[in-house]
C-alpha atoms as a PDB file:
ATOM      1  CA  MET A   1      21.117  -5.417 -27.739  1.00  0.00           C
ATOM      2  CA  ALA A   2      20.303  -7.658 -25.114  1.00  0.00           C
ATOM      3  CA  ALA A   3      18.242  -4.900 -23.654  1.00  0.00           C
ATOM      4  CA  GLN A   4      16.261  -4.558 -26.733  1.00  0.00           C
ATOM      5  CA  ASN A   5      15.607  -8.172 -26.930  1.00  0.00           C
ATOM      6  CA  SER A   6      14.520  -9.103 -23.470  1.00  0.00           C
ATOM      7  CA  VAL A   7      11.516  -6.862 -23.932  1.00  0.00           C
ATOM      8  CA  GLY A   8       8.592  -9.211 -23.411  1.00  0.00           C
ATOM      9  CA  ILE A   9       6.909 -11.637 -21.351  1.00  0.00           C
ATOM     10  CA  TYR A  10       7.720 -14.957 -20.134  1.00  0.00           C
ATOM     11  CA  ASN A  11       5.375 -17.297 -18.591  1.00  0.00           C
ATOM     12  CA  MET A  12       7.522 -19.365 -15.617  1.00  0.00           C
ATOM     13  CA  SER A  13       6.172 -22.436 -14.904  1.00  0.00           C
ATOM     14  CA  SER A  14       5.428 -23.588 -10.856  1.00  0.00           C
ATOM     15  CA  GLY A  15       4.778 -26.748  -8.808  1.00  0.00           C
ATOM     16  CA  SER A  16       2.268 -25.117  -7.117  1.00  0.00           C
ATOM     17  CA  PRO A  17      -1.696 -25.564  -7.192  1.00  0.00           C
ATOM     18  CA  GLU A  18      -1.782 -21.748  -7.704  1.00  0.00           C
ATOM     19  CA  GLY A  19       0.221 -22.174 -11.209  1.00  0.00           C
ATOM     20  CA  GLY A  20       3.378 -19.872 -12.166  1.00  0.00           C
ATOM     21  CA  SER A  21       4.110 -16.224 -12.300  1.00  0.00           C
ATOM     22  CA  SER A  22       4.448 -14.480 -15.401  1.00  0.00           C
ATOM     23  CA  LEU A  23       7.447 -11.599 -16.094  1.00  0.00           C
ATOM     24  CA  VAL A  24       6.523  -8.850 -18.049  1.00  0.00           C
ATOM     25  CA  ILE A  25       9.712  -6.909 -19.259  1.00  0.00           C
ATOM     26  CA  LEU A  26       9.182  -3.643 -20.530  1.00  0.00           C
ATOM     27  CA  GLU A  27      10.909  -1.083 -22.568  1.00  0.00           C
ATOM     28  CA  ASN A  28      10.778   1.348 -20.182  1.00  0.00           C
ATOM     29  CA  GLY A  29      12.584  -0.011 -17.617  1.00  0.00           C
ATOM     30  CA  LYS A  30      10.679  -1.068 -15.763  1.00  0.00           C
ATOM     31  CA  PHE A  31       9.136  -5.264 -14.646  1.00  0.00           C
ATOM     32  CA  VAL A  32       5.977  -6.926 -13.506  1.00  0.00           C
ATOM     33  CA  ILE A  33       6.084 -10.150 -12.209  1.00  0.00           C
ATOM     34  CA  LEU A  34       2.219 -11.473 -11.972  1.00  0.00           C
ATOM     35  CA  TYR A  35       1.579 -14.334 -10.005  1.00  0.00           C
ATOM     36  CA  PHE A  36      -1.866 -15.776  -7.797  1.00  0.00           C
ATOM     37  CA  GLY A  37      -3.136 -12.866  -5.617  1.00  0.00           C
ATOM     38  CA  GLY A  38      -0.367 -10.368  -6.391  1.00  0.00           C
ATOM     39  CA  ALA A  39       1.925  -8.768  -8.271  1.00  0.00           C
ATOM     40  CA  GLN A  40       5.964  -7.315  -7.536  1.00  0.00           C
ATOM     41  CA  ILE A  41       6.862  -4.118  -9.664  1.00  0.00           C
ATOM     42  CA  GLY A  42      10.450  -3.269 -10.229  1.00  0.00           C
ATOM     43  CA  TYR A  43      13.620  -1.775 -11.944  1.00  0.00           C
ATOM     44  CA  TRP A  44      15.664  -3.636 -14.750  1.00  0.00           C
ATOM     45  CA  LYS A  45      18.827  -2.813 -16.392  1.00  0.00           C
ATOM     46  CA  ASN A  46      21.284  -4.210 -18.622  1.00  0.00           C
ATOM     47  CA  THR A  47      24.592  -4.435 -16.759  1.00  0.00           C
ATOM     48  CA  GLY A  48      26.263  -6.426 -20.022  1.00  0.00           C
ATOM     49  CA  ASN A  49      27.688  -9.637 -20.984  1.00  0.00           C
ATOM     50  CA  ASN A  50      23.495 -10.407 -22.102  1.00  0.00           C
ATOM     51  CA  THR A  51      22.916  -9.935 -18.093  1.00  0.00           C
ATOM     52  CA  ILE A  52      20.373  -8.167 -16.484  1.00  0.00           C
ATOM     53  CA  LEU A  53      19.771  -7.298 -12.868  1.00  0.00           C
ATOM     54  CA  PHE A  54      16.115  -6.968 -11.923  1.00  0.00           C
ATOM     55  CA  THR A  55      15.672  -5.140  -8.569  1.00  0.00           C
ATOM     56  CA  PRO A  56      12.156  -5.022  -7.148  1.00  0.00           C
ATOM     57  CA  TYR A  57      10.446  -1.399  -5.616  1.00  0.00           C
ATOM     58  CA  LYS A  58      10.654  -1.076  -2.467  1.00  0.00           C
ATOM     59  CA  GLU A  59       8.491   2.017  -0.831  1.00  0.00           C
ATOM     60  CA  GLU A  60      10.228   5.009   1.191  1.00  0.00           C
ATOM     61  CA  SER A  61       8.425   3.642   4.622  1.00  0.00           C
ATOM     62  CA  SER A  62       6.284   0.540   5.554  1.00  0.00           C
ATOM     63  CA  PHE A  63       3.797   2.945   6.489  1.00  0.00           C
ATOM     64  CA  GLN A  64       1.725   5.469   4.428  1.00  0.00           C
ATOM     65  CA  VAL A  65      -0.585   8.312   6.533  1.00  0.00           C
ATOM     66  CA  TYR A  66      -3.320  10.488   4.904  1.00  0.00           C
ATOM     67  CA  GLY A  67      -4.889  13.124   7.323  1.00  0.00           C
ATOM     68  CA  ARG A  68      -8.043  15.349   7.328  1.00  0.00           C
ATOM     69  CA  LYS A  69      -9.956  17.829   9.659  1.00  0.00           C
ATOM     70  CA  ASN A  70     -12.415  15.659  11.018  1.00  0.00           C
ATOM     71  CA  ASN A  71     -14.705  18.573  13.211  1.00  0.00           C
ATOM     72  CA  LEU A  72     -16.919  15.996  14.874  1.00  0.00           C
ATOM     73  CA  LEU A  73     -14.127  14.323  16.514  1.00  0.00           C
ATOM     74  CA  LYS A  74     -13.095  17.561  18.461  1.00  0.00           C
ATOM     75  CA  ASN A  75     -10.249  16.422  21.104  1.00  0.00           C
ATOM     76  CA  LYS A  76      -9.822  12.964  19.642  1.00  0.00           C
ATOM     77  CA  ILE A  77      -8.275  11.068  16.724  1.00  0.00           C
ATOM     78  CA  LYS A  78      -9.567   8.266  14.715  1.00  0.00           C
ATOM     79  CA  ILE A  79      -7.447   6.069  12.571  1.00  0.00           C
ATOM     80  CA  ALA A  80      -8.561   3.632   9.604  1.00  0.00           C
ATOM     81  CA  PHE A  81      -5.880   0.735   9.315  1.00  0.00           C
ATOM     82  CA  PHE A  82      -4.877  -0.980   6.113  1.00  0.00           C
ATOM     83  CA  GLY A  83      -2.458  -4.269   6.028  1.00  0.00           C
ATOM     84  CA  PHE A  84      -1.494  -3.884   9.465  1.00  0.00           C
ATOM     85  CA  GLU A  85      -2.630  -7.663   9.558  1.00  0.00           C
ATOM     86  CA  ASN A  86       0.299  -8.304   7.297  1.00  0.00           C
ATOM     87  CA  ALA A  87       2.855  -8.196   9.971  1.00  0.00           C
ATOM     88  CA  SER A  88       3.467  -7.760  13.288  1.00  0.00           C
ATOM     89  CA  THR A  89       2.793  -3.871  13.631  1.00  0.00           C
ATOM     90  CA  PHE A  90       3.213  -1.596  16.131  1.00  0.00           C
ATOM     91  CA  ILE A  91       1.491   2.010  16.959  1.00  0.00           C
ATOM     92  CA  SER A  92       2.477   4.561  19.846  1.00  0.00           C
ATOM     93  CA  SER A  93       1.700   8.189  20.115  1.00  0.00           C
ATOM     94  CA  HIS A  94       3.289  11.459  21.719  1.00  0.00           C
ATOM     95  CA  THR A  95       1.025  10.971  24.821  1.00  0.00           C
ATOM     96  CA  SER A  96       2.482   7.711  25.433  1.00  0.00           C
ATOM     97  CA  LYS A  97       5.222   6.715  27.681  1.00  0.00           C
ATOM     98  CA  PRO A  98       8.716   7.326  25.430  1.00  0.00           C
ATOM     99  CA  LYS A  99       9.501   4.151  22.915  1.00  0.00           C
ATOM    100  CA  THR A 100       6.044   1.925  24.126  1.00  0.00           C
ATOM    101  CA  PHE A 101       4.166   0.490  21.730  1.00  0.00           C
ATOM    102  CA  LYS A 102       0.852  -1.076  21.393  1.00  0.00           C
ATOM    103  CA  ARG A 103       0.315  -4.377  19.288  1.00  0.00           C
ATOM    104  CA  VAL A 104      -1.967  -3.122  16.479  1.00  0.00           C
ATOM    105  CA  PHE A 105      -3.687  -7.025  16.065  1.00  0.00           C
ATOM    106  CA  ASN A 106      -3.313  -9.961  19.205  1.00  0.00           C
ATOM    107  CA  GLU A 107      -0.186 -12.384  18.121  1.00  0.00           C
ATOM    108  CA  ASP A 108      -2.554 -14.990  17.127  1.00  0.00           C
ATOM    109  CA  ALA A 109      -4.982 -13.375  14.972  1.00  0.00           C
ATOM    110  CA  ASN A 110      -5.993 -15.450  12.849  1.00  0.00           C
ATOM    111  CA  CYS A 111      -9.245 -14.340  10.435  1.00  0.00           C
ATOM    112  CA  PHE A 112      -9.838 -10.235   9.755  1.00  0.00           C
ATOM    113  CA  ALA A 113     -12.546  -8.469   8.864  1.00  0.00           C
ATOM    114  CA  PRO A 114     -12.037  -5.748   5.511  1.00  0.00           C
ATOM    115  CA  LEU A 115     -11.915  -2.723   7.685  1.00  0.00           C
ATOM    116  CA  TYR A 116     -10.491  -1.512  11.095  1.00  0.00           C
ATOM    117  CA  THR A 117     -11.101   1.949  12.564  1.00  0.00           C
ATOM    118  CA  LYS A 118     -10.201   3.035  15.886  1.00  0.00           C
ATOM    119  CA  VAL A 119     -11.419   6.032  17.885  1.00  0.00           C
ATOM    120  CA  PHE A 120      -8.465   7.479  20.220  1.00  0.00           C
ATOM    121  CA  ASP A 121      -9.851   9.189  23.182  1.00  0.00           C
ATOM    122  CA  ALA A 122      -6.858  11.806  23.362  1.00  0.00           C
ATOM    123  CA  TYR A 123      -5.165  14.177  20.408  1.00  0.00           C
ATOM    124  CA  THR A 124      -1.433  13.823  20.119  1.00  0.00           C
ATOM    125  CA  LYS A 125       0.823  15.628  18.223  1.00  0.00           C
ATOM    126  CA  GLU A 126       2.819  12.368  16.395  1.00  0.00           C
ATOM    127  CA  ILE A 127       1.860   9.342  15.905  1.00  0.00           C
ATOM    128  CA  TYR A 128       4.430   6.208  15.713  1.00  0.00           C
ATOM    129  CA  PHE A 129       4.265   3.010  13.604  1.00  0.00           C
ATOM    130  CA  ALA A 130       6.486   0.048  14.106  1.00  0.00           C
ATOM    131  CA  VAL A 131       7.141  -3.508  12.414  1.00  0.00           C
ATOM    132  CA  GLU A 132       9.500  -6.058  13.516  1.00  0.00           C
ATOM    133  CA  GLN A 133      11.913  -6.902  10.595  1.00  0.00           C
ATOM    134  CA  GLY A 134      13.146 -10.652  11.761  1.00  0.00           C
ATOM    135  CA  LEU A 135      16.677 -10.222  12.646  1.00  0.00           C
ATOM    136  CA  LYS A 136      17.152  -6.207  12.057  1.00  0.00           C
ATOM    137  CA  ASP A 137      16.123  -3.607  14.701  1.00  0.00           C
ATOM    138  CA  PRO A 138      12.246  -2.787  14.444  1.00  0.00           C
ATOM    139  CA  GLU A 139      11.834  -0.282  11.845  1.00  0.00           C
ATOM    140  CA  VAL A 140       9.899   2.813  13.355  1.00  0.00           C
ATOM    141  CA  VAL A 141       7.900   5.526  11.023  1.00  0.00           C
ATOM    142  CA  SER A 142       6.422   8.673  12.516  1.00  0.00           C
ATOM    143  CA  PHE A 143       3.806  11.385  11.271  1.00  0.00           C
ATOM    144  CA  GLY A 144       3.071  14.701  12.604  1.00  0.00           C
ATOM    145  CA  THR A 145      -0.620  15.053  13.001  1.00  0.00           C
ATOM    146  CA  GLU A 146      -0.692  18.933  13.219  1.00  0.00           C
ATOM    147  CA  GLY A 147      -3.874  20.516  11.449  1.00  0.00           C
ATOM    148  CA  TYR A 148      -5.533  16.551  11.501  1.00  0.00           C
ATOM    149  CA  ASN A 149      -7.235  13.857  13.564  1.00  0.00           C
ATOM    150  CA  ASP A 150      -8.799  11.721  11.137  1.00  0.00           C
ATOM    151  CA  PHE A 151      -6.542   9.002   9.236  1.00  0.00           C
ATOM    152  CA  VAL A 152      -6.118   6.626   6.955  1.00  0.00           C
ATOM    153  CA  ALA A 153      -2.868   4.676   7.640  1.00  0.00           C
ATOM    154  CA  TYR A 154      -1.375   1.810   5.088  1.00  0.00           C
ATOM    155  CA  TYR A 155       1.445  -0.144   6.231  1.00  0.00           C
ATOM    156  CA  ILE A 156       3.245  -1.760   2.577  1.00  0.00           C
ATOM    157  CA  PRO A 157       5.200  -4.646   2.823  1.00  0.00           C
ATOM    158  CA  SER A 158       8.533  -5.111   1.376  1.00  0.00           C
ATOM    159  CA  PRO A 159       9.096  -6.682  -1.558  1.00  0.00           C
ATOM    160  CA  GLN A 160       8.515 -10.611  -1.468  1.00  0.00           C
ATOM    161  CA  ILE A 161      11.603 -11.103  -3.706  1.00  0.00           C
ATOM    162  CA  ASP A 162      15.305  -9.695  -3.623  1.00  0.00           C
ATOM    163  CA  SER A 163      17.151  -8.817  -6.640  1.00  0.00           C
ATOM    164  CA  PHE A 164      17.988 -11.303  -8.960  1.00  0.00           C
ATOM    165  CA  VAL A 165      19.839 -11.670 -12.211  1.00  0.00           C
ATOM    166  CA  GLY A 166      18.541 -13.258 -15.232  1.00  0.00           C
ATOM    167  CA  VAL A 167      20.926 -14.194 -18.711  1.00  0.00           C
ATOM    168  CA  MET A 168      19.222 -13.810 -22.319  1.00  0.00           C
ATOM    169  CA  LYS A 169      20.691 -16.388 -24.941  1.00  0.00           C
ATOM    170  CA  GLU A 170      18.486 -15.628 -27.988  1.00  0.00           C
ATOM    171  CA  ASP A 171      15.148 -15.837 -27.032  1.00  0.00           C
ATOM    172  CA  LYS A 172      15.026 -17.380 -24.045  1.00  0.00           C
ATOM    173  CA  LEU A 173      15.155 -15.839 -20.320  1.00  0.00           C
ATOM    174  CA  TYR A 174      17.895 -18.191 -17.876  1.00  0.00           C
ATOM    175  CA  ILE A 175      17.279 -16.937 -14.336  1.00  0.00           C
ATOM    176  CA  GLU A 176      19.718 -18.577 -11.301  1.00  0.00           C
ATOM    177  CA  GLU A 177      19.579 -22.307 -12.822  1.00  0.00           C
ATOM    178  CA  ASN A 178      16.445 -22.757 -13.780  1.00  0.00           C
ATOM    179  CA  GLU A 179      15.698 -23.738 -17.648  1.00  0.00           C
ATOM    180  CA  GLY A 180      15.337 -20.614 -20.277  1.00  0.00           C
ATOM    181  CA  VAL A 181      11.999 -19.508 -20.663  1.00  0.00           C
ATOM    182  CA  VAL A 182      10.937 -18.713 -24.251  1.00  0.00           C
ATOM    183  CA  LYS A 183       9.817 -14.561 -24.931  1.00  0.00           C
ATOM    184  CA  ARG A 184       6.725 -13.847 -25.687  1.00  0.00           C
ATOM    185  CA  ASP A 185       6.045 -10.550 -27.974  1.00  0.00           C
ATOM    186  CA  LEU A 186       4.207  -7.802 -25.841  1.00  0.00           C
ATOM    187  CA  PRO A 187       0.745  -7.059 -26.834  1.00  0.00           C
ATOM    188  CA  SER A 188       0.421  -3.753 -28.667  1.00  0.00           C
ATOM    189  CA  GLU A 189      -2.989  -3.230 -27.295  1.00  0.00           C
ATOM    190  CA  GLY A 190      -5.608  -4.613 -25.123  1.00  0.00           C
ATOM    191  CA  GLU A 191      -6.913  -4.071 -21.441  1.00  0.00           C
ATOM    192  CA  ASP A 192      -4.459  -6.502 -20.150  1.00  0.00           C
ATOM    193  CA  ILE A 193      -1.331  -4.488 -21.194  1.00  0.00           C
ATOM    194  CA  LEU A 194      -2.552  -1.387 -20.170  1.00  0.00           C
ATOM    195  CA  PHE A 195      -3.567  -2.606 -16.740  1.00  0.00           C
ATOM    196  CA  ILE A 196       0.233  -4.036 -16.613  1.00  0.00           C
ATOM    197  CA  ARG A 197       1.707  -0.806 -17.769  1.00  0.00           C
ATOM    198  CA  ASP A 198      -0.332   1.456 -15.160  1.00  0.00           C
ATOM    199  CA  LEU A 199       0.722  -0.699 -12.887  1.00  0.00           C
ATOM    200  CA  ALA A 200       4.347  -0.166 -13.328  1.00  0.00           C
ATOM    201  CA  ASN A 201       3.921   3.362 -13.272  1.00  0.00           C
ATOM    202  CA  SER A 202       2.437   3.352 -10.327  1.00  0.00           C
ATOM    203  CA  ILE A 203       5.846   3.436  -8.811  1.00  0.00           C
ATOM    204  CA  ASP A 204       6.603   6.784 -10.236  1.00  0.00           C
ATOM    205  CA  GLN A 205       3.672   8.277  -8.991  1.00  0.00           C
ATOM    206  CA  VAL A 206       3.518   9.984  -5.166  1.00  0.00           C
ATOM    207  CA  GLU A 207      -0.025  10.092  -4.555  1.00  0.00           C
ATOM    208  CA  ASP A 208      -0.429  13.529  -2.419  1.00  0.00           C
ATOM    209  CA  VAL A 209      -4.340  13.608  -2.468  1.00  0.00           C
ATOM    210  CA  LYS A 210      -6.850  10.359  -1.864  1.00  0.00           C
ATOM    211  CA  ASN A 211     -10.576  10.412  -1.811  1.00  0.00           C
ATOM    212  CA  PHE A 212     -12.561   8.276   0.424  1.00  0.00           C
ATOM    213  CA  ASN A 213     -15.778   7.702   1.100  1.00  0.00           C
ATOM    214  CA  PRO A 214     -17.366   8.020   4.727  1.00  0.00           C
ATOM    215  CA  GLN A 215     -16.874   4.271   4.441  1.00  0.00           C
ATOM    216  CA  TYR A 216     -13.093   4.807   3.970  1.00  0.00           C
ATOM    217  CA  ASN A 217     -13.420   3.289   0.468  1.00  0.00           C
ATOM    218  CA  SER A 218     -11.144   4.879  -1.663  1.00  0.00           C
ATOM    219  CA  PHE A 219     -12.114   6.751  -4.931  1.00  0.00           C
ATOM    220  CA  GLN A 220      -8.754   6.475  -7.198  1.00  0.00           C
ATOM    221  CA  ALA A 221     -10.412   7.768 -10.077  1.00  0.00           C
ATOM    222  CA  GLU A 222      -9.850  11.551 -11.149  1.00  0.00           C
ATOM    223  CA  LEU A 223     -12.938  13.352  -9.897  1.00  0.00           C
ATOM    224  CA  PRO A 224     -15.480  13.930 -12.521  1.00  0.00           C
ATOM    225  CA  SER A 225     -15.984  17.980 -13.280  1.00  0.00           C
ATOM    226  CA  TYR A 226     -19.624  17.806 -11.519  1.00  0.00           C
ATOM    227  CA  TYR A 227     -18.503  17.240  -8.236  1.00  0.00           C
ATOM    228  CA  VAL A 228     -18.244  20.543  -5.772  1.00  0.00           C
ATOM    229  CA  PHE A 229     -16.058  21.087  -2.714  1.00  0.00           C
ATOM    230  CA  ASP A 230     -18.116  21.437   0.440  1.00  0.00           C
ATOM    231  CA  GLU A 231     -15.521  23.658   2.613  1.00  0.00           C
ATOM    232  CA  SER A 232     -17.635  23.216   5.529  1.00  0.00           C
ATOM    233  CA  LYS A 233     -17.247  19.107   5.223  1.00  0.00           C
ATOM    234  CA  GLY A 234     -13.994  19.409   3.706  1.00  0.00           C
ATOM    235  CA  ALA A 235     -15.549  16.632   1.166  1.00  0.00           C
ATOM    236  CA  TYR A 236     -16.200  16.759  -2.829  1.00  0.00           C
ATOM    237  CA  ILE A 237     -20.193  16.438  -3.460  1.00  0.00           C
ATOM    238  CA  ASP A 238     -22.246  14.287  -5.787  1.00  0.00           C
ATOM    239  CA  LEU A 239     -24.923  17.079  -5.455  1.00  0.00           C
ATOM    240  CA  ASP A 240     -27.492  14.980  -7.508  1.00  0.00           C
ATOM    241  CA  GLU A 241     -27.003  12.259  -5.262  1.00  0.00           C
ATOM    242  CA  TYR A 242     -26.080  13.528  -1.745  1.00  0.00           C
ATOM    243  CA  LYS A 243     -28.729  13.704   0.775  1.00  0.00           C
ATOM    244  CA  GLU A 244     -27.625  16.387   3.478  1.00  0.00           C
ATOM    245  CA  GLY A 245     -26.328  14.285   7.114  1.00  0.00           C
ATOM    246  CA  MET A 246     -25.846  10.999   4.893  1.00  0.00           C
ATOM    247  CA  GLU A 247     -22.802  10.842   5.704  1.00  0.00           C
ATOM    248  CA  LEU A 248     -23.768  10.737   9.631  1.00  0.00           C
ATOM    249  CA  ASP A 249     -25.249   7.069  10.038  1.00  0.00           C
ATOM    250  CA  ILE A 250     -20.974   5.424   9.109  1.00  0.00           C
ATOM    251  CA  GLU A 251     -22.707   2.093   9.732  1.00  0.00           C
ATOM    252  CA  GLU A 252     -26.249   2.454   7.247  1.00  0.00           C
ATOM    253  CA  TYR A 253     -23.653   4.308   4.653  1.00  0.00           C
ATOM    254  CA  ASP A 254     -23.184   2.071   1.286  1.00  0.00           C
ATOM    255  CA  TYR A 255     -19.815   1.001   0.964  1.00  0.00           C
ATOM    256  CA  ASP A 256     -19.779   1.912  -2.861  1.00  0.00           C
ATOM    257  CA  ASP A 257     -21.564   5.111  -2.369  1.00  0.00           C
ATOM    258  CA  ILE A 258     -19.376   7.722  -3.855  1.00  0.00           C
ATOM    259  CA  SER A 259     -21.832  10.876  -3.377  1.00  0.00           C
ATOM    260  CA  ILE A 260     -19.216  12.314  -1.084  1.00  0.00           C
ATOM    261  CA  LEU A 261     -15.984  11.760  -1.021  1.00  0.00           C
ATOM    262  CA  TYR A 262     -13.303  13.514   1.859  1.00  0.00           C
ATOM    263  CA  GLU A 263     -10.040  14.956   0.642  1.00  0.00           C
ATOM    264  CA  TYR A 264      -7.135  13.107   2.534  1.00  0.00           C
ATOM    265  CA  LYS A 265      -3.803  14.331   2.251  1.00  0.00           C
ATOM    266  CA  ARG A 266      -0.602  12.972   2.548  1.00  0.00           C
ATOM    267  CA  CYS A 267       1.518  13.542   5.761  1.00  0.00           C
ATOM    268  CA  ILE A 268       4.993  12.796   5.474  1.00  0.00           C
ATOM    269  CA  PRO A 269       7.192   9.932   7.003  1.00  0.00           C
ATOM    270  CA  ASN A 270      10.151  10.257   9.076  1.00  0.00           C
ATOM    271  CA  ILE A 271      11.596   7.086   9.785  1.00  0.00           C
ATOM    272  CA  ARG A 272      13.888   6.755  12.626  1.00  0.00           C
ATOM    273  CA  LYS A 273      16.041   3.732  13.515  1.00  0.00           C
ATOM    274  CA  ALA A 274      15.159   2.073  16.991  1.00  0.00           C
ATOM    275  CA  SER A 275      17.553  -1.124  18.519  1.00  0.00           C
ATOM    276  CA  ASN A 276      14.638  -2.054  20.423  1.00  0.00           C
ATOM    277  CA  ILE A 277      10.894  -0.557  21.438  1.00  0.00           C
ATOM    278  CA  THR A 278       8.673  -1.764  24.728  1.00  0.00           C
ATOM    279  CA  ILE A 279       5.787  -3.305  23.856  1.00  0.00           C
ATOM    280  CA  ASP A 280       2.479  -2.526  26.426  1.00  0.00           C
ATOM    281  CA  GLU A 281       0.336  -5.733  27.285  1.00  0.00           C
ATOM    282  CA  GLY A 282      -2.871  -6.109  24.860  1.00  0.00           C
ATOM    283  CA  SER A 283      -3.793  -4.520  21.199  1.00  0.00           C
ATOM    284  CA  VAL A 284      -5.534  -2.285  19.268  1.00  0.00           C
ATOM    285  CA  PHE A 285      -7.813  -5.006  17.767  1.00  0.00           C
ATOM    286  CA  ILE A 286      -8.786  -8.528  18.692  1.00  0.00           C
ATOM    287  CA  GLU A 287      -9.723 -11.012  16.310  1.00  0.00           C
ATOM    288  CA  ARG A 288      -9.545 -15.173  17.078  1.00  0.00           C
ATOM    289  CA  CYS A 289     -11.377 -17.283  15.345  1.00  0.00           C
ATOM    290  CA  GLU A 290     -11.831 -20.942  16.118  1.00  0.00           C
END
């Protein structure tokens, strides 16, 4: 009964200027916490005595990498970095000295652009990423590069919250020693609840393929049927909109133009434990604002 009665929306107040958060408990065993600037997804289960355990979802690895073969790069590799500014992240390669890493961003970086790409002059059989984890040993994740030389890499931060427990009493949810929060019923329709359900279900979906335009803008919907795959370019093309060679001038290419979309395939992570890593001087990118 506690599981059935808990499904709904709980608006939790906060003393911060950004406002409070909303906990949405879905009937499929998932929950979503919506707050200013983000969301947290996870699983919930009834543990008895009207008690509910909420467990935030955590990715298998702190890094995700997708790759493709780019004939223009020849014996080089290119990486687009997303999210690496959100932690102390590092990169190494098969050609580096063992366990030698370089920071992705300088230690005092304090302003960032939307996109960071880097072409490395030597091809490597493996790419290694690492992230500091407070007092824990750094997490090191490697990805094989065989067949690929153009990569999109993501840093995926750990959940911002730990597992927590709630207790249902009538139509109120009590979390820790907070005052009970009154439940509101889930809406049966509307864009908001559809967005929440899609967000919650995303944790069960492993994307084996992603499509990006030349500016690394991801096209996340299903490709329309009128796109044609061009083997020589390794890309899907909208023949009505695409102009031959337009992708070669990347700086002039419109970020929102999806007339050509490259297919990148998921690289399997190899998670390693490292008691320490050696860090070279300098960083791949330097960002420092006054």
